């Protein structure tokens, strides 16, 4: 394939400028890899408060990736550390509690507003001369063969490279272009997302409360008096809650939050997102690698969605950088196969775990409810230094398994 008459050229072409795509670009750029990001959204739009009301639970291991990619310092401290995790099942007095001090002085992770992360990612990109960010730009065509990749944009421009990364989300153009099938189903649930202000401090405590309609999560934001809410309801009830007047909506929130935070007030709007599971048959094709939601999507019940995606990009960045350092082709089949082998087992395990949790907890079947409450209490009563409890806490931190260098806190 000729690379003449192209408007842009880079070793790695990333299709998708969401949190995963931009984080991968920052990681590669920090290592000096020639990278180009094709982003369909204008940057100024994605930074508006009304664009996306979501927050992200960043596990400790994913946070080290942001640190290694040079993004962390640009967050300017606008992160809420998770110091404790409390899991409850409806009104049961039995619960599961993790205290970060049981595994050291590191938090389990942080809660970060998506908009804050985008600010930090854009600021970091501007420091990286090897990264080009094209936005707004939309991919309309692609040719991938043994000699390289050529991507065509809607405005007629072309981009040439050696590897294209699909970071373009659930409806991935890259995945469909490669003919990669996926299994997918809907949970017939939506997540209602909003932020509340409250009188009492949250103390860095993250709460996952399981209700018959689905989990209700309270995630501590920076500052101590704001909490992100992820409230799961059956899809046929979402319009009712989304349409409630402000005071009625506040009353419904207060009822679910309880009194541990004092009086609560919703701020900055509300959003609703459909929930489902999806998994691609494979993560690679000729000169193509899929990461994050292009390859898999899961229920937010365990707060692992973006964390799994960040482990994807950390692994992919590592195999790409290792190949380039010894003069190998980063888009070669054996390089991509190493990435797929590395990531598949971890992802399948988490997909199965989150799916099982949704089915186990989103109901009010009395024998099942009794069994799961006893199970949580049994785990909770394990001594802190017992291997089983320590494993569960380390899993919540995202530091279990064969970890990429960035997750271990090492440079690429």
Protein backbone atom coordinates (compact mmCIF):
# COMPACT_ATOMS: atom_id res chain seq x y z
CA UNK A 1 0.00 0.00 0.00
CA UNK A 2 1.40 3.38 -0.92
CA UNK A 3 1.42 6.11 1.71
CA UNK A 4 1.87 8.89 -0.80
CA UNK A 5 -0.79 11.59 -1.16
CA UNK A 6 -2.00 11.26 2.41
CA UNK A 7 -2.86 14.25 4.57
CA UNK A 8 -1.54 12.72 7.79
CA UNK A 9 0.70 9.84 8.73
CA UNK A 10 1.41 8.15 12.08
CA UNK A 11 2.46 4.75 13.36
CA UNK A 12 -0.72 4.35 15.41
CA UNK A 13 -4.16 5.65 14.38
CA UNK A 14 -6.76 5.74 17.17
CA UNK A 15 -10.38 5.95 16.05
CA UNK A 16 -12.37 7.42 18.93
CA UNK A 17 -11.64 10.34 21.23
CA UNK A 18 -13.44 9.22 24.37
CA UNK A 19 -11.74 8.64 27.70
CA UNK A 20 -10.12 5.37 26.56
CA UNK A 21 -8.90 6.62 23.19
CA UNK A 22 -7.42 9.81 24.62
CA UNK A 23 -5.77 7.96 27.52
CA UNK A 24 -4.16 5.55 25.06
CA UNK A 25 -2.93 8.51 22.99
CA UNK A 26 -1.39 10.08 26.10
CA UNK A 27 0.30 6.82 27.08
CA UNK A 28 1.77 6.31 23.60
CA UNK A 29 2.71 9.97 23.31
CA UNK A 30 4.51 9.84 26.64
CA UNK A 31 6.63 7.06 25.15
CA UNK A 32 7.24 9.17 22.02
CA UNK A 33 5.16 6.99 19.68
CA UNK A 34 3.82 8.72 16.56
CA UNK A 35 0.05 8.69 17.18
CA UNK A 36 -3.02 10.26 15.61
CA UNK A 37 -6.48 10.41 17.22
CA UNK A 38 -9.61 10.74 15.09
CA UNK A 39 -12.33 12.24 17.27
CA UNK A 40 -15.84 12.88 15.96
CA UNK A 41 -16.73 15.34 18.75
CA UNK A 42 -15.47 18.93 18.92
CA UNK A 43 -13.42 19.23 22.09
CA UNK A 44 -15.32 22.30 23.28
CA UNK A 45 -18.62 20.36 23.17
CA UNK A 46 -17.36 17.48 25.33
CA UNK A 47 -16.32 19.91 28.05
CA UNK A 48 -19.79 21.40 28.50
CA UNK A 49 -21.62 20.42 31.72
CA UNK A 50 -24.64 19.17 29.76
CA UNK A 51 -22.61 16.85 27.49
CA UNK A 52 -22.15 14.01 29.95
CA UNK A 53 -23.20 13.91 33.58
CA UNK A 54 -21.36 10.70 34.36
CA UNK A 55 -18.52 10.13 36.76
CA UNK A 56 -16.05 7.27 36.69
CA UNK A 57 -14.77 5.07 39.47
CA UNK A 58 -11.07 4.80 38.73
CA UNK A 59 -9.54 1.83 40.55
CA UNK A 60 -6.07 2.29 42.03
CA UNK A 61 -4.45 0.32 39.20
CA UNK A 62 -6.15 2.46 36.55
CA UNK A 63 -5.04 5.57 38.40
CA UNK A 64 -1.42 4.51 38.06
CA UNK A 65 -1.96 4.33 34.28
CA UNK A 66 -3.16 7.95 34.31
CA UNK A 67 -0.09 8.84 36.34
CA UNK A 68 2.26 7.04 33.94
CA UNK A 69 0.59 8.71 30.95
CA UNK A 70 1.16 12.14 32.48
CA UNK A 71 -2.57 12.84 32.90
CA UNK A 72 -2.88 12.73 36.68
CA UNK A 73 -1.21 16.06 37.44
CA UNK A 74 -3.69 17.82 35.14
CA UNK A 75 -6.63 16.65 37.26
CA UNK A 76 -5.58 19.39 39.73
CA UNK A 77 -6.72 17.36 42.71
CA UNK A 78 -10.34 17.18 41.52
CA UNK A 79 -10.63 13.55 42.53
CA UNK A 80 -12.53 11.93 45.38
CA UNK A 81 -10.55 9.12 47.02
CA UNK A 82 -12.46 5.94 47.90
CA UNK A 83 -11.22 5.09 51.36
CA UNK A 84 -13.98 2.66 52.28
CA UNK A 85 -16.42 0.56 50.27
CA UNK A 86 -19.69 -0.51 51.86
CA UNK A 87 -22.03 -2.99 50.15
CA UNK A 88 -25.55 -3.45 51.54
CA UNK A 89 -28.54 -5.52 50.48
CA UNK A 90 -31.75 -3.56 50.89
CA UNK A 91 -32.46 -2.99 54.60
CA UNK A 92 -30.50 -5.99 55.88
CA UNK A 93 -28.21 -5.35 58.88
CA UNK A 94 -25.68 -7.71 57.24
CA UNK A 95 -23.22 -5.95 54.94
CA UNK A 96 -19.79 -6.06 53.36
CA UNK A 97 -17.24 -3.42 54.34
CA UNK A 98 -13.76 -2.82 52.95
CA UNK A 99 -11.42 -0.40 54.72
CA UNK A 100 -8.44 0.72 52.64
CA UNK A 101 -6.20 0.61 55.74
CA UNK A 102 -6.56 -3.18 55.76
CA UNK A 103 -4.35 -3.34 52.64
CA UNK A 104 -2.08 -0.35 53.26
CA UNK A 105 -2.29 3.42 52.98
CA UNK A 106 -3.46 3.57 49.35
CA UNK A 107 -7.10 4.33 48.49
CA UNK A 108 -9.15 1.73 46.63
CA UNK A 109 -9.40 4.27 43.85
CA UNK A 110 -10.91 7.64 43.02
CA UNK A 111 -14.17 9.07 41.73
CA UNK A 112 -13.62 11.52 38.90
CA UNK A 113 -16.15 13.45 36.84
CA UNK A 114 -15.85 12.52 33.17
CA UNK A 115 -15.67 16.19 32.22
CA UNK A 116 -12.75 16.72 34.62
CA UNK A 117 -10.94 13.77 33.03
CA UNK A 118 -11.46 15.24 29.56
CA UNK A 119 -9.98 18.57 30.65
CA UNK A 120 -6.92 16.74 31.96
CA UNK A 121 -6.56 14.58 28.84
CA UNK A 122 -6.77 17.55 26.47
CA UNK A 123 -4.22 19.48 28.50
CA UNK A 124 -1.84 16.52 28.47
CA UNK A 125 -2.25 16.00 24.71
CA UNK A 126 -1.08 19.55 24.08
CA UNK A 127 2.24 18.66 25.73
CA UNK A 128 2.90 15.68 23.45
CA UNK A 129 4.50 16.59 20.10
CA UNK A 130 4.21 13.03 18.74
CA UNK A 131 0.38 13.05 19.04
CA UNK A 132 -2.02 14.68 16.58
CA UNK A 133 -5.66 15.17 17.60
CA UNK A 134 -8.10 15.57 14.69
CA UNK A 135 -11.49 16.85 15.90
CA UNK A 136 -14.18 16.94 14.73
CA UNK A 137 -13.47 14.20 12.21
CA UNK A 138 -15.44 11.12 11.17
CA UNK A 139 -14.12 7.92 9.59
CA UNK A 140 -15.99 6.82 6.46
CA UNK A 141 -13.62 4.23 5.00
CA UNK A 142 -10.65 2.08 5.80
CA UNK A 143 -8.22 -0.19 3.99
CA UNK A 144 -6.04 -2.57 6.00
CA UNK A 145 -3.56 -4.96 4.43
CA UNK A 146 -0.12 -6.47 4.93
CA UNK A 147 1.64 -3.21 4.15
CA UNK A 148 -0.33 -0.76 6.26
CA UNK A 149 -3.55 1.10 7.01
CA UNK A 150 -5.27 3.89 5.11
CA UNK A 151 -8.23 5.67 6.70
CA UNK A 152 -10.56 8.03 4.83
CA UNK A 153 -12.39 10.83 6.64
CA UNK A 154 -15.77 12.37 5.81
CA UNK A 155 -14.13 15.60 4.61
CA UNK A 156 -11.97 13.69 2.11
CA UNK A 157 -8.73 13.73 4.07
CA UNK A 158 -6.75 10.50 4.41
CA UNK A 159 -4.58 9.13 7.20
CA UNK A 160 -1.95 6.41 6.78
CA UNK A 161 -0.39 4.26 9.49
CA UNK A 162 0.72 0.81 10.60
CA UNK A 163 -1.97 -0.02 13.19
CA UNK A 164 -5.50 1.25 13.74
CA UNK A 165 -7.05 1.04 17.21
CA UNK A 166 -10.82 0.91 17.53
CA UNK A 167 -11.70 2.98 20.60
CA UNK A 168 -14.98 4.11 19.07
CA UNK A 169 -17.44 2.67 21.54
CA UNK A 170 -20.42 0.34 21.54
CA UNK A 171 -21.37 1.00 17.91
CA UNK A 172 -17.79 0.69 16.72
CA UNK A 173 -17.18 1.41 13.04
CA UNK A 174 -13.86 -0.41 13.34
CA UNK A 175 -15.41 -3.58 14.74
CA UNK A 176 -18.13 -3.63 12.08
CA UNK A 177 -15.63 -2.88 9.29
CA UNK A 178 -13.63 -5.95 10.34
CA UNK A 179 -16.76 -8.10 10.42
CA UNK A 180 -16.18 -8.98 14.06
CA UNK A 181 -19.36 -10.32 15.61
CA UNK A 182 -20.35 -9.75 19.21
CA UNK A 183 -22.75 -11.28 21.67
CA UNK A 184 -24.93 -8.68 23.33
CA UNK A 185 -28.05 -8.40 25.41
CA UNK A 186 -29.97 -5.77 27.31
CA UNK A 187 -30.67 -5.98 31.03
CA UNK A 188 -33.83 -3.93 30.42
CA UNK A 189 -32.47 -1.49 32.93
CA UNK A 190 -31.29 2.11 32.73
CA UNK A 191 -28.84 3.94 34.96
CA UNK A 192 -30.08 7.31 36.14
CA UNK A 193 -27.03 9.46 36.79
CA UNK A 194 -26.87 12.68 38.78
CA UNK A 195 -24.88 14.51 41.45
CA UNK A 196 -26.15 15.44 44.90
CA UNK A 197 -24.97 18.00 47.39
CA UNK A 198 -25.39 16.98 51.03
CA UNK A 199 -25.05 18.54 54.46
CA UNK A 200 -22.84 15.90 56.04
CA UNK A 201 -19.38 14.81 54.77
CA UNK A 202 -19.12 11.52 52.90
CA UNK A 203 -15.73 10.70 54.42
CA UNK A 204 -14.52 8.99 51.25
CA UNK A 205 -17.07 6.19 51.65
CA UNK A 206 -18.45 4.57 48.48
CA UNK A 207 -21.75 2.73 48.96
CA UNK A 208 -23.38 0.12 46.72
CA UNK A 209 -26.90 -0.57 47.92
CA UNK A 210 -28.70 -3.46 46.23
CA UNK A 211 -32.41 -2.89 45.73
CA UNK A 212 -34.93 -5.20 44.02
CA UNK A 213 -34.93 -2.92 40.96
CA UNK A 214 -31.13 -2.84 40.72
CA UNK A 215 -28.07 -1.33 42.45
CA UNK A 216 -28.05 2.21 43.82
CA UNK A 217 -24.48 3.52 44.07
CA UNK A 218 -23.19 6.54 45.99
CA UNK A 219 -19.71 7.59 44.88
CA UNK A 220 -17.73 10.22 46.85
CA UNK A 221 -16.61 13.22 44.81
CA UNK A 222 -13.85 15.69 45.64
CA UNK A 223 -14.50 18.15 48.44
CA UNK A 224 -16.48 15.96 50.83
CA UNK A 225 -20.01 17.31 50.27
CA UNK A 226 -20.85 16.11 46.77
CA UNK A 227 -21.66 12.54 45.75
CA UNK A 228 -22.28 10.99 42.36
CA UNK A 229 -25.38 8.81 42.13
CA UNK A 230 -25.78 5.84 39.77
CA UNK A 231 -29.37 4.65 40.25
CA UNK A 232 -30.54 1.57 38.36
CA UNK A 233 -34.20 1.15 37.47
CA UNK A 234 -36.15 -1.04 35.03
CA UNK A 235 -36.24 0.66 31.64
CA UNK A 236 -40.03 0.99 31.68
CA UNK A 237 -39.82 3.13 34.84
CA UNK A 238 -37.07 5.50 33.77
CA UNK A 239 -39.25 8.06 31.99
CA UNK A 240 -41.31 8.41 35.17
CA UNK A 241 -38.28 9.26 37.31
CA UNK A 242 -36.62 11.42 34.67
CA UNK A 243 -39.82 13.44 34.34
CA UNK A 244 -40.36 14.10 38.05
CA UNK A 245 -40.39 17.72 39.25
CA UNK A 246 -37.22 18.68 41.09
CA UNK A 247 -38.63 18.41 44.61
CA UNK A 248 -40.22 15.00 43.96
CA UNK A 249 -36.96 13.79 42.42
CA UNK A 250 -35.11 15.02 45.50
CA UNK A 251 -37.52 13.12 47.76
CA UNK A 252 -36.94 9.90 45.82
CA UNK A 253 -33.18 10.37 46.15
CA UNK A 254 -33.41 11.10 49.87
CA UNK A 255 -35.49 7.96 50.38
CA UNK A 256 -32.77 5.81 48.78
CA UNK A 257 -29.74 7.63 50.21
CA UNK A 258 -31.11 7.60 53.75
CA UNK A 259 -29.98 10.01 56.44
CA UNK A 260 -26.25 9.20 56.69
CA UNK A 261 -25.36 12.21 54.52
CA UNK A 262 -28.01 14.52 55.96
CA UNK A 263 -30.30 16.44 53.63
CA UNK A 264 -29.52 15.95 49.94
CA UNK A 265 -30.12 18.23 46.95
CA UNK A 266 -29.65 17.20 43.29
CA UNK A 267 -27.42 19.53 41.28
CA UNK A 268 -26.41 19.93 37.62
CA UNK A 269 -29.11 17.90 35.86
CA UNK A 270 -29.89 14.20 35.41
CA UNK A 271 -29.13 11.67 32.67
CA UNK A 272 -30.24 8.12 31.82
CA UNK A 273 -28.24 5.41 30.04
CA UNK A 274 -29.36 1.92 28.91
CA UNK A 275 -27.51 -1.02 30.46
CA UNK A 276 -26.43 -4.23 28.79
CA UNK A 277 -23.61 -6.68 28.18
CA UNK A 278 -21.58 -7.01 24.98
CA UNK A 279 -18.47 -8.96 24.04
CA UNK A 280 -16.67 -9.15 20.70
CA UNK A 281 -15.77 -12.59 19.32
CA UNK A 282 -12.20 -11.35 18.99
CA UNK A 283 -10.28 -8.15 19.75
CA UNK A 284 -8.01 -8.09 16.70
CA UNK A 285 -8.02 -8.29 12.92
CA UNK A 286 -5.54 -7.36 10.20
CA UNK A 287 -3.71 -4.30 11.59
CA UNK A 288 -6.60 -3.64 13.95
CA UNK A 289 -6.98 -3.83 17.75
CA UNK A 290 -10.16 -3.12 19.69
CA UNK A 291 -10.09 -1.62 23.19
CA UNK A 292 -12.63 -0.79 25.86
CA UNK A 293 -16.30 -0.57 24.78
CA UNK A 294 -15.44 -1.40 21.16
CA UNK A 295 -14.50 -4.84 22.47
CA UNK A 296 -16.72 -5.26 25.52
CA UNK A 297 -19.37 -3.57 27.62
CA UNK A 298 -20.65 -4.49 31.06
CA UNK A 299 -23.11 -3.45 33.75
CA UNK A 300 -21.77 -0.74 36.11
CA UNK A 301 -22.72 -2.88 39.13
CA UNK A 302 -19.06 -3.32 40.15
CA UNK A 303 -17.77 -0.04 38.69
CA UNK A 304 -15.28 -1.86 36.46
CA UNK A 305 -16.23 -0.76 32.93
CA UNK A 306 -13.61 1.90 32.21
CA UNK A 307 -11.08 0.17 34.47
CA UNK A 308 -11.15 -2.91 32.24
CA UNK A 309 -10.77 -0.61 29.23
CA UNK A 310 -7.79 1.12 30.80
CA UNK A 311 -6.13 -2.25 31.37
CA UNK A 312 -6.76 -2.96 27.67
CA UNK A 313 -4.97 0.16 26.55
CA UNK A 314 -2.14 -0.31 29.05
CA UNK A 315 -1.52 -3.80 27.65
CA UNK A 316 -1.80 -2.63 24.03
CA UNK A 317 0.52 0.32 24.63
CA UNK A 318 3.07 -2.05 26.14
CA UNK A 319 3.11 -4.53 23.25
CA UNK A 320 3.24 -1.68 20.71
CA UNK A 321 6.11 0.12 22.46
CA UNK A 322 8.04 -3.13 22.95
CA UNK A 323 7.68 -3.93 19.25
CA UNK A 324 8.79 -0.49 18.10
CA UNK A 325 11.83 -0.49 20.38
CA UNK A 326 13.28 -3.55 18.70
CA UNK A 327 12.35 -2.42 15.20
CA UNK A 328 9.30 -4.64 14.74
CA UNK A 329 6.02 -3.75 13.07
CA UNK A 330 3.46 -2.71 15.76
CA UNK A 331 0.63 -3.90 13.53
CA UNK A 332 2.07 -7.38 12.94
CA UNK A 333 -0.20 -10.34 13.66
CA UNK A 334 1.98 -11.81 16.42
CA UNK A 335 2.12 -8.47 18.26
CA UNK A 336 -1.67 -8.17 18.17
CA UNK A 337 -2.14 -11.81 19.15
CA UNK A 338 -0.08 -11.18 22.29
CA UNK A 339 -2.42 -8.31 23.19
CA UNK A 340 -5.53 -10.43 22.67
CA UNK A 341 -4.24 -13.37 24.72
CA UNK A 342 -3.27 -11.01 27.51
CA UNK A 343 -6.63 -9.28 27.80
CA UNK A 344 -9.24 -11.88 26.96
CA UNK A 345 -9.24 -13.96 30.17
CA UNK A 346 -9.46 -10.92 32.47
CA UNK A 347 -12.32 -9.44 30.46
CA UNK A 348 -14.34 -12.65 30.19
CA UNK A 349 -13.99 -13.21 33.95
CA UNK A 350 -15.30 -9.74 34.76
CA UNK A 351 -18.14 -9.96 32.25
CA UNK A 352 -19.27 -13.23 33.81
CA UNK A 353 -18.91 -11.81 37.33
CA UNK A 354 -20.89 -8.64 36.68
CA UNK A 355 -23.60 -10.57 34.82
CA UNK A 356 -23.93 -13.00 37.74
CA UNK A 357 -24.12 -10.11 40.23
CA UNK A 358 -26.90 -8.40 38.27
CA UNK A 359 -28.94 -11.59 38.22
CA UNK A 360 -28.20 -12.40 41.85
CA UNK A 361 -29.05 -9.02 43.35
CA UNK A 362 -31.70 -7.45 41.08
CA UNK A 363 -34.56 -9.35 42.67
CA UNK A 364 -36.39 -9.87 45.94
CA UNK A 365 -36.53 -13.68 46.02
CA UNK A 366 -36.40 -14.42 49.76
CA UNK A 367 -34.22 -17.60 49.83
CA UNK A 368 -31.76 -15.99 47.41
CA UNK A 369 -31.74 -12.75 49.39
CA UNK A 370 -31.02 -14.66 52.61
CA UNK A 371 -28.15 -16.59 50.99
CA UNK A 372 -26.46 -13.54 49.48
CA UNK A 373 -26.68 -11.61 52.75
CA UNK A 374 -25.05 -14.45 54.64
CA UNK A 375 -22.37 -14.60 51.95
CA UNK A 376 -21.55 -10.90 52.29
CA UNK A 377 -21.44 -11.18 56.05
CA UNK A 378 -19.10 -14.18 55.84
CA UNK A 379 -16.64 -12.27 53.62
CA UNK A 380 -16.94 -9.21 55.85
CA UNK A 381 -16.05 -11.23 58.96
CA UNK A 382 -12.84 -12.60 57.49
CA UNK A 383 -9.77 -11.22 59.29
CA UNK A 384 -8.15 -8.38 57.29
CA UNK A 385 -4.96 -10.29 56.59
CA UNK A 386 -6.67 -13.48 55.44
CA UNK A 387 -5.70 -14.16 51.80
CA UNK A 388 -9.35 -14.38 50.68
CA UNK A 389 -10.38 -10.96 51.96
CA UNK A 390 -7.12 -9.38 50.84
CA UNK A 391 -7.71 -10.81 47.34
CA UNK A 392 -11.21 -9.28 47.16
CA UNK A 393 -9.88 -5.88 48.19
CA UNK A 394 -6.97 -6.02 45.75
CA UNK A 395 -9.41 -7.00 43.02
CA UNK A 396 -11.42 -3.85 43.81
CA UNK A 397 -8.18 -1.90 43.40
CA UNK A 398 -7.51 -3.47 39.99
CA UNK A 399 -4.13 -4.92 40.96
CA UNK A 400 -4.76 -8.64 40.50
CA UNK A 401 -3.46 -10.81 37.63
CA UNK A 402 -0.79 -10.30 34.97
CA UNK A 403 -0.49 -6.52 35.09
CA UNK A 404 0.95 -4.22 32.40
CA UNK A 405 3.87 -2.02 33.40
CA UNK A 406 1.72 1.12 33.57
CA UNK A 407 -0.70 -0.56 36.01
CA UNK A 408 2.29 -1.60 38.17
CA UNK A 409 3.40 2.03 38.28
CA UNK A 410 6.32 1.51 35.90
CA UNK A 411 7.16 3.52 32.80
CA UNK A 412 6.48 2.11 29.35
